[in-house]
Amino acid sequence: MDTDTPRRGPHGGVRKSRTRQAAPAVPAWSTSSHSAAETSCVEVAVSARVVRVRDSAHREGAVLGLAAPAWVALVRSAAGG
């Protein structure tokens, strides 16, 4: 990902240059310890801005990304509260 970074030009003016940011880290996926014997489980990967959810039986399949407030609402709803 590129970002614009201001730099001083040869005559003192500010110019923009392109810098590279590090690629995002691969998410660390977790499965609940309560789902060890289950065949229909999901895994979650939590980052600073997004909670990702995937089917543990189909790890190469689709991934659902939720903002933190949406994740909290989903878990509360699933827990019946």
PDB file of N, CA and C in Angstrom:
ATOM      1  N   MET A   1       0.837  -1.161   0.000  1.00  0.00           N
ATOM      2  CA  MET A   1       0.000   0.000   0.000  1.00  0.00           C
ATOM      3  C   MET A   1       0.887   1.230   0.000  1.00  0.00           C
ATOM      4  N   ASP A   2       0.593   2.187  -0.853  1.00  0.00           N
ATOM      5  CA  ASP A   2       1.377   3.404  -0.948  1.00  0.00           C
ATOM      6  C   ASP A   2       0.701   4.527  -0.179  1.00  0.00           C
ATOM      7  N   THR A   3       1.512   5.381   0.413  1.00  0.00           N
ATOM      8  CA  THR A   3       0.990   6.579   1.066  1.00  0.00           C
ATOM      9  C   THR A   3       1.823   7.757   0.628  1.00  0.00           C
ATOM     10  N   ASP A   4       1.231   8.931   0.660  1.00  0.00           N
ATOM     11  CA  ASP A   4       1.957  10.144   0.318  1.00  0.00           C
ATOM     12  C   ASP A   4       2.647  10.681   1.561  1.00  0.00           C
ATOM     13  N   THR A   5       3.927  10.948   1.452  1.00  0.00           N
ATOM     14  CA  THR A   5       4.712  11.483   2.549  1.00  0.00           C
ATOM     15  C   THR A   5       5.346  12.797   2.098  1.00  0.00           C
ATOM     16  N   PRO A   6       5.073  13.915   2.809  1.00  0.00           N
ATOM     17  CA  PRO A   6       5.694  15.174   2.385  1.00  0.00           C
ATOM     18  C   PRO A   6       7.191  15.151   2.631  1.00  0.00           C
ATOM     19  N   ARG A   7       7.950  15.702   1.658  1.00  0.00           N
ATOM     20  CA  ARG A   7       9.406  15.827   1.783  1.00  0.00           C
ATOM     21  C   ARG A   7       9.803  17.193   1.274  1.00  0.00           C
ATOM     22  N   ARG A   8      10.914  17.683   1.737  1.00  0.00           N
ATOM     23  CA  ARG A   8      11.441  18.969   1.257  1.00  0.00           C
ATOM     24  C   ARG A   8      12.116  18.773  -0.085  1.00  0.00           C
ATOM     25  N   GLY A   9      11.764  19.627  -1.036  1.00  0.00           N
ATOM     26  CA  GLY A   9      12.377  19.591  -2.353  1.00  0.00           C
ATOM     27  C   GLY A   9      13.720  20.305  -2.329  1.00  0.00           C
ATOM     28  N   PRO A  10      14.447  20.352  -3.447  1.00  0.00           N
ATOM     29  CA  PRO A  10      15.776  20.963  -3.497  1.00  0.00           C
ATOM     30  C   PRO A  10      15.744  22.469  -3.259  1.00  0.00           C
ATOM     31  N   HIS A  11      14.592  23.104  -3.428  1.00  0.00           N
ATOM     32  CA  HIS A  11      14.491  24.552  -3.234  1.00  0.00           C
ATOM     33  C   HIS A  11      13.702  24.905  -1.985  1.00  0.00           C
ATOM     34  N   GLY A  12      13.552  23.962  -1.077  1.00  0.00           N
ATOM     35  CA  GLY A  12      12.888  24.223   0.193  1.00  0.00           C
ATOM     36  C   GLY A  12      11.392  23.975   0.199  1.00  0.00           C
ATOM     37  N   GLY A  13      10.786  23.793  -0.971  1.00  0.00           N
ATOM     38  CA  GLY A  13       9.353  23.524  -1.030  1.00  0.00           C
ATOM     39  C   GLY A  13       9.049  22.100  -0.601  1.00  0.00           C
ATOM     40  N   VAL A  14       7.813  21.857  -0.251  1.00  0.00           N
ATOM     41  CA  VAL A  14       7.407  20.509   0.152  1.00  0.00           C
ATOM     42  C   VAL A  14       6.934  19.760  -1.087  1.00  0.00           C
ATOM     43  N   ARG A  15       7.419  18.556  -1.264  1.00  0.00           N
ATOM     44  CA  ARG A  15       6.948  17.708  -2.356  1.00  0.00           C
ATOM     45  C   ARG A  15       6.517  16.376  -1.754  1.00  0.00           C
ATOM     46  N   LYS A  16       5.731  15.641  -2.478  1.00  0.00           N
ATOM     47  CA  LYS A  16       5.251  14.348  -1.989  1.00  0.00           C
ATOM     48  C   LYS A  16       6.047  13.224  -2.627  1.00  0.00           C
ATOM     49  N   SER A  17       6.330  12.219  -1.827  1.00  0.00           N
ATOM     50  CA  SER A  17       6.988  11.030  -2.365  1.00  0.00           C
ATOM     51  C   SER A  17       6.181   9.819  -1.941  1.00  0.00           C
ATOM     52  N   ARG A  18       6.337   8.732  -2.663  1.00  0.00           N
ATOM     53  CA  ARG A  18       5.611   7.507  -2.366  1.00  0.00           C
ATOM     54  C   ARG A  18       6.454   6.623  -1.459  1.00  0.00           C
ATOM     55  N   THR A  19       5.838   6.099  -0.401  1.00  0.00           N
ATOM     56  CA  THR A  19       6.516   5.149   0.485  1.00  0.00           C
ATOM     57  C   THR A  19       5.685   3.884   0.553  1.00  0.00           C
ATOM     58  N   ARG A  20       6.330   2.786   0.834  1.00  0.00           N
ATOM     59  CA  ARG A  20       5.655   1.499   0.938  1.00  0.00           C
ATOM     60  C   ARG A  20       5.405   1.177   2.393  1.00  0.00           C
ATOM     61  N   GLN A  21       4.181   0.730   2.680  1.00  0.00           N
ATOM     62  CA  GLN A  21       3.868   0.239   4.013  1.00  0.00           C
ATOM     63  C   GLN A  21       3.961  -1.280   3.985  1.00  0.00           C
ATOM     64  N   ALA A  22       4.231  -1.861   5.140  1.00  0.00           N
ATOM     65  CA  ALA A  22       4.319  -3.313   5.232  1.00  0.00           C
ATOM     66  C   ALA A  22       2.966  -3.935   4.913  1.00  0.00           C
ATOM     67  N   ALA A  23       2.983  -5.102   4.300  1.00  0.00           N
ATOM     68  CA  ALA A  23       1.752  -5.824   4.008  1.00  0.00           C
ATOM     69  C   ALA A  23       1.080  -6.227   5.319  1.00  0.00           C
ATOM     70  N   PRO A  24      -0.251  -6.287   5.340  1.00  0.00           N
ATOM     71  CA  PRO A  24      -0.938  -6.685   6.566  1.00  0.00           C
ATOM     72  C   PRO A  24      -0.548  -8.098   6.974  1.00  0.00           C
ATOM     73  N   ALA A  25      -0.487  -8.313   8.255  1.00  0.00           N
ATOM     74  CA  ALA A  25      -0.114  -9.624   8.779  1.00  0.00           C
ATOM     75  C   ALA A  25      -1.220 -10.640   8.494  1.00  0.00           C
ATOM     76  N   VAL A  26      -0.834 -11.892   8.356  1.00  0.00           N
ATOM     77  CA  VAL A  26      -1.796 -12.971   8.175  1.00  0.00           C
ATOM     78  C   VAL A  26      -2.552 -13.136   9.489  1.00  0.00           C
ATOM     79  N   PRO A  27      -3.883 -13.185   9.450  1.00  0.00           N
ATOM     80  CA  PRO A  27      -4.637 -13.286  10.706  1.00  0.00           C
ATOM     81  C   PRO A  27      -4.396 -14.614  11.409  1.00  0.00           C
ATOM     82  N   ALA A  28      -4.425 -14.565  12.734  1.00  0.00           N
ATOM     83  CA  ALA A  28      -4.310 -15.778  13.551  1.00  0.00           C
ATOM     84  C   ALA A  28      -5.725 -16.268  13.838  1.00  0.00           C
ATOM     85  N   TRP A  29      -6.076 -17.418  13.316  1.00  0.00           N
ATOM     86  CA  TRP A  29      -7.423 -17.961  13.463  1.00  0.00           C
ATOM     87  C   TRP A  29      -7.542 -18.760  14.748  1.00  0.00           C
ATOM     88  N   SER A  30      -8.689 -18.626  15.428  1.00  0.00           N
ATOM     89  CA  SER A  30      -8.947 -19.337  16.688  1.00  0.00           C
ATOM     90  C   SER A  30     -10.293 -20.041  16.611  1.00  0.00           C
ATOM     91  N   THR A  31     -10.376 -21.185  17.281  1.00  0.00           N
ATOM     92  CA  THR A  31     -11.620 -21.930  17.402  1.00  0.00           C
ATOM     93  C   THR A  31     -11.916 -22.084  18.881  1.00  0.00           C
ATOM     94  N   SER A  32     -13.160 -21.987  19.261  1.00  0.00           N
ATOM     95  CA  SER A  32     -13.548 -22.138  20.660  1.00  0.00           C
ATOM     96  C   SER A  32     -13.196 -23.534  21.162  1.00  0.00           C
ATOM     97  N   SER A  33     -12.751 -23.632  22.396  1.00  0.00           N
ATOM     98  CA  SER A  33     -12.467 -24.942  22.987  1.00  0.00           C
ATOM     99  C   SER A  33     -13.755 -25.737  23.191  1.00  0.00           C
ATOM    100  N   HIS A  34     -14.899 -25.064  23.200  1.00  0.00           N
ATOM    101  CA  HIS A  34     -16.189 -25.741  23.356  1.00  0.00           C
ATOM    102  C   HIS A  34     -16.621 -26.447  22.082  1.00  0.00           C
ATOM    103  N   SER A  35     -15.965 -26.197  20.979  1.00  0.00           N
ATOM    104  CA  SER A  35     -16.374 -26.780  19.698  1.00  0.00           C
ATOM    105  C   SER A  35     -15.488 -27.939  19.265  1.00  0.00           C
ATOM    106  N   ALA A  36     -14.698 -28.498  20.167  1.00  0.00           N
ATOM    107  CA  ALA A  36     -13.743 -29.551  19.814  1.00  0.00           C
ATOM    108  C   ALA A  36     -14.408 -30.777  19.203  1.00  0.00           C
ATOM    109  N   ALA A  37     -15.564 -31.189  19.699  1.00  0.00           N
ATOM    110  CA  ALA A  37     -16.215 -32.393  19.190  1.00  0.00           C
ATOM    111  C   ALA A  37     -17.253 -32.090  18.115  1.00  0.00           C
ATOM    112  N   GLU A  38     -17.489 -30.837  17.840  1.00  0.00           N
ATOM    113  CA  GLU A  38     -18.498 -30.429  16.869  1.00  0.00           C
ATOM    114  C   GLU A  38     -17.949 -30.501  15.445  1.00  0.00           C
ATOM    115  N   THR A  39     -18.841 -30.718  14.499  1.00  0.00           N
ATOM    116  CA  THR A  39     -18.430 -30.707  13.098  1.00  0.00           C
ATOM    117  C   THR A  39     -18.842 -29.416  12.404  1.00  0.00           C
ATOM    118  N   SER A  40     -19.708 -28.632  13.021  1.00  0.00           N
ATOM    119  CA  SER A  40     -20.134 -27.362  12.428  1.00  0.00           C
ATOM    120  C   SER A  40     -19.623 -26.214  13.289  1.00  0.00           C
ATOM    121  N   CYS A  41     -18.392 -25.818  13.035  1.00  0.00           N
ATOM    122  CA  CYS A  41     -17.729 -24.797  13.840  1.00  0.00           C
ATOM    123  C   CYS A  41     -17.301 -23.632  12.955  1.00  0.00           C
ATOM    124  N   VAL A  42     -17.090 -22.516  13.598  1.00  0.00           N
ATOM    125  CA  VAL A  42     -16.495 -21.383  12.910  1.00  0.00           C
ATOM    126  C   VAL A  42     -15.205 -21.010  13.613  1.00  0.00           C
ATOM    127  N   GLU A  43     -14.352 -20.337  12.891  1.00  0.00           N
ATOM    128  CA  GLU A  43     -13.111 -19.812  13.443  1.00  0.00           C
ATOM    129  C   GLU A  43     -13.162 -18.296  13.327  1.00  0.00           C
ATOM    130  N   VAL A  44     -12.483 -17.613  14.242  1.00  0.00           N
ATOM    131  CA  VAL A  44     -12.439 -16.154  14.199  1.00  0.00           C
ATOM    132  C   VAL A  44     -10.993 -15.689  14.214  1.00  0.00           C
ATOM    133  N   ALA A  45     -10.762 -14.553  13.567  1.00  0.00           N
ATOM    134  CA  ALA A  45      -9.460 -13.888  13.587  1.00  0.00           C
ATOM    135  C   ALA A  45      -9.739 -12.425  13.912  1.00  0.00           C
ATOM    136  N   VAL A  46      -9.154 -11.944  14.991  1.00  0.00           N
ATOM    137  CA  VAL A  46      -9.422 -10.594  15.473  1.00  0.00           C
ATOM    138  C   VAL A  46      -8.236  -9.690  15.165  1.00  0.00           C
ATOM    139  N   SER A  47      -8.527  -8.541  14.556  1.00  0.00           N
ATOM    140  CA  SER A  47      -7.499  -7.527  14.331  1.00  0.00           C
ATOM    141  C   SER A  47      -7.987  -6.225  14.966  1.00  0.00           C
ATOM    142  N   ALA A  48      -7.254  -5.166  14.785  1.00  0.00           N
ATOM    143  CA  ALA A  48      -7.592  -3.892  15.410  1.00  0.00           C
ATOM    144  C   ALA A  48      -8.939  -3.352  14.946  1.00  0.00           C
ATOM    145  N   ARG A  49      -9.308  -3.600  13.684  1.00  0.00           N
ATOM    146  CA  ARG A  49     -10.540  -3.007  13.156  1.00  0.00           C
ATOM    147  C   ARG A  49     -11.608  -4.001  12.734  1.00  0.00           C
ATOM    148  N   VAL A  50     -11.219  -5.257  12.506  1.00  0.00           N
ATOM    149  CA  VAL A  50     -12.151  -6.222  11.919  1.00  0.00           C
ATOM    150  C   VAL A  50     -12.064  -7.563  12.643  1.00  0.00           C
ATOM    151  N   VAL A  51     -13.216  -8.210  12.799  1.00  0.00           N
ATOM    152  CA  VAL A  51     -13.271  -9.602  13.248  1.00  0.00           C
ATOM    153  C   VAL A  51     -13.676 -10.415  12.028  1.00  0.00           C
ATOM    154  N   ARG A  52     -12.829 -11.362  11.656  1.00  0.00           N
ATOM    155  CA  ARG A  52     -13.105 -12.208  10.495  1.00  0.00           C
ATOM    156  C   ARG A  52     -13.629 -13.556  10.985  1.00  0.00           C
ATOM    157  N   VAL A  53     -14.622 -14.102  10.264  1.00  0.00           N
ATOM    158  CA  VAL A  53     -15.249 -15.362  10.629  1.00  0.00           C
ATOM    159  C   VAL A  53     -15.225 -16.262   9.406  1.00  0.00           C
ATOM    160  N   ARG A  54     -14.861 -17.548   9.611  1.00  0.00           N
ATOM    161  CA  ARG A  54     -14.884 -18.509   8.511  1.00  0.00           C
ATOM    162  C   ARG A  54     -15.336 -19.870   9.023  1.00  0.00           C
ATOM    163  N   ASP A  55     -15.767 -20.706   8.113  1.00  0.00           N
ATOM    164  CA  ASP A  55     -16.187 -22.069   8.416  1.00  0.00           C
ATOM    165  C   ASP A  55     -14.935 -22.923   8.594  1.00  0.00           C
ATOM    166  N   SER A  56     -14.810 -23.571   9.743  1.00  0.00           N
ATOM    167  CA  SER A  56     -13.586 -24.346   9.995  1.00  0.00           C
ATOM    168  C   SER A  56     -13.492 -25.584   9.103  1.00  0.00           C
ATOM    169  N   ALA A  57     -14.609 -26.054   8.569  1.00  0.00           N
ATOM    170  CA  ALA A  57     -14.582 -27.200   7.675  1.00  0.00           C
ATOM    171  C   ALA A  57     -14.196 -26.803   6.253  1.00  0.00           C
ATOM    172  N   HIS A  58     -14.325 -25.510   5.933  1.00  0.00           N
ATOM    173  CA  HIS A  58     -14.015 -25.007   4.590  1.00  0.00           C
ATOM    174  C   HIS A  58     -13.130 -23.769   4.710  1.00  0.00           C
ATOM    175  N   ARG A  59     -11.936 -23.941   5.199  1.00  0.00           N
ATOM    176  CA  ARG A  59     -11.033 -22.819   5.485  1.00  0.00           C
ATOM    177  C   ARG A  59     -10.646 -22.014   4.256  1.00  0.00           C
ATOM    178  N   GLU A  60     -10.701 -22.605   3.101  1.00  0.00           N
ATOM    179  CA  GLU A  60     -10.349 -21.883   1.876  1.00  0.00           C
ATOM    180  C   GLU A  60     -11.549 -21.133   1.300  1.00  0.00           C
ATOM    181  N   GLY A  61     -12.705 -21.279   1.923  1.00  0.00           N
ATOM    182  CA  GLY A  61     -13.927 -20.642   1.435  1.00  0.00           C
ATOM    183  C   GLY A  61     -14.027 -19.185   1.828  1.00  0.00           C
ATOM    184  N   ALA A  62     -15.237 -18.685   1.781  1.00  0.00           N
ATOM    185  CA  ALA A  62     -15.511 -17.273   2.049  1.00  0.00           C
ATOM    186  C   ALA A  62     -15.207 -16.899   3.501  1.00  0.00           C
ATOM    187  N   VAL A  63     -14.851 -15.633   3.688  1.00  0.00           N
ATOM    188  CA  VAL A  63     -14.585 -15.081   5.015  1.00  0.00           C
ATOM    189  C   VAL A  63     -15.502 -13.877   5.195  1.00  0.00           C
ATOM    190  N   LEU A  64     -16.183 -13.838   6.333  1.00  0.00           N
ATOM    191  CA  LEU A  64     -17.049 -12.718   6.676  1.00  0.00           C
ATOM    192  C   LEU A  64     -16.263 -11.768   7.566  1.00  0.00           C
ATOM    193  N   GLY A  65     -16.182 -10.502   7.185  1.00  0.00           N
ATOM    194  CA  GLY A  65     -15.486  -9.497   7.987  1.00  0.00           C
ATOM    195  C   GLY A  65     -16.492  -8.574   8.638  1.00  0.00           C
ATOM    196  N   LEU A  66     -16.391  -8.412   9.949  1.00  0.00           N
ATOM    197  CA  LEU A  66     -17.323  -7.574  10.707  1.00  0.00           C
ATOM    198  C   LEU A  66     -16.567  -6.523  11.512  1.00  0.00           C
ATOM    199  N   ALA A  67     -17.102  -5.313  11.536  1.00  0.00           N
ATOM    200  CA  ALA A  67     -16.564  -4.293  12.438  1.00  0.00           C
ATOM    201  C   ALA A  67     -16.875  -4.732  13.867  1.00  0.00           C
ATOM    202  N   ALA A  68     -16.087  -4.253  14.816  1.00  0.00           N
ATOM    203  CA  ALA A  68     -16.234  -4.684  16.215  1.00  0.00           C
ATOM    204  C   ALA A  68     -17.669  -4.556  16.734  1.00  0.00           C
ATOM    205  N   PRO A  69     -18.369  -3.425  16.533  1.00  0.00           N
ATOM    206  CA  PRO A  69     -19.739  -3.329  17.049  1.00  0.00           C
ATOM    207  C   PRO A  69     -20.683  -4.371  16.430  1.00  0.00           C
ATOM    208  N   ALA A  70     -20.505  -4.675  15.156  1.00  0.00           N
ATOM    209  CA  ALA A  70     -21.341  -5.691  14.511  1.00  0.00           C
ATOM    210  C   ALA A  70     -21.046  -7.075  15.080  1.00  0.00           C
ATOM    211  N   TRP A  71     -19.786  -7.356  15.373  1.00  0.00           N
ATOM    212  CA  TRP A  71     -19.405  -8.636  15.968  1.00  0.00           C
ATOM    213  C   TRP A  71     -20.045  -8.787  17.349  1.00  0.00           C
ATOM    214  N   VAL A  72     -19.977  -7.741  18.163  1.00  0.00           N
ATOM    215  CA  VAL A  72     -20.592  -7.785  19.506  1.00  0.00           C
ATOM    216  C   VAL A  72     -22.086  -8.050  19.391  1.00  0.00           C
ATOM    217  N   ALA A  73     -22.756  -7.372  18.460  1.00  0.00           N
ATOM    218  CA  ALA A  73     -24.198  -7.571  18.270  1.00  0.00           C
ATOM    219  C   ALA A  73     -24.502  -8.987  17.837  1.00  0.00           C
ATOM    220  N   LEU A  74     -23.698  -9.558  16.947  1.00  0.00           N
ATOM    221  CA  LEU A  74     -23.891 -10.925  16.491  1.00  0.00           C
ATOM    222  C   LEU A  74     -23.746 -11.917  17.639  1.00  0.00           C
ATOM    223  N   VAL A  75     -22.698 -11.766  18.438  1.00  0.00           N
ATOM    224  CA  VAL A  75     -22.469 -12.693  19.555  1.00  0.00           C
ATOM    225  C   VAL A  75     -23.592 -12.576  20.585  1.00  0.00           C
ATOM    226  N   ARG A  76     -24.013 -11.373  20.887  1.00  0.00           N
ATOM    227  CA  ARG A  76     -25.114 -11.181  21.851  1.00  0.00           C
ATOM    228  C   ARG A  76     -26.403 -11.842  21.331  1.00  0.00           C
ATOM    229  N   SER A  77     -26.668 -11.660  20.056  1.00  0.00           N
ATOM    230  CA  SER A  77     -27.862 -12.243  19.463  1.00  0.00           C
ATOM    231  C   SER A  77     -27.801 -13.763  19.501  1.00  0.00           C
ATOM    232  N   ALA A  78     -26.649 -14.334  19.168  1.00  0.00           N
ATOM    233  CA  ALA A  78     -26.478 -15.777  19.174  1.00  0.00           C
ATOM    234  C   ALA A  78     -26.605 -16.362  20.583  1.00  0.00           C
ATOM    235  N   ALA A  79     -26.185 -15.564  21.585  1.00  0.00           N
ATOM    236  CA  ALA A  79     -26.255 -16.020  22.976  1.00  0.00           C
ATOM    237  C   ALA A  79     -27.648 -15.818  23.575  1.00  0.00           C
ATOM    238  N   GLY A  80     -28.528 -15.213  22.789  1.00  0.00           N
ATOM    239  CA  GLY A  80     -29.891 -15.018  23.270  1.00  0.00           C
ATOM    240  C   GLY A  80     -30.090 -13.751  24.078  1.00  0.00           C
ATOM    241  N   GLY A  81     -29.137 -12.845  23.987  1.00  0.00           N
ATOM    242  CA  GLY A  81     -29.275 -11.625  24.785  1.00  0.00           C
ATOM    243  C   GLY A  81     -29.285 -10.456  23.937  1.00  0.00           C
TER     244      GLY A  81
END
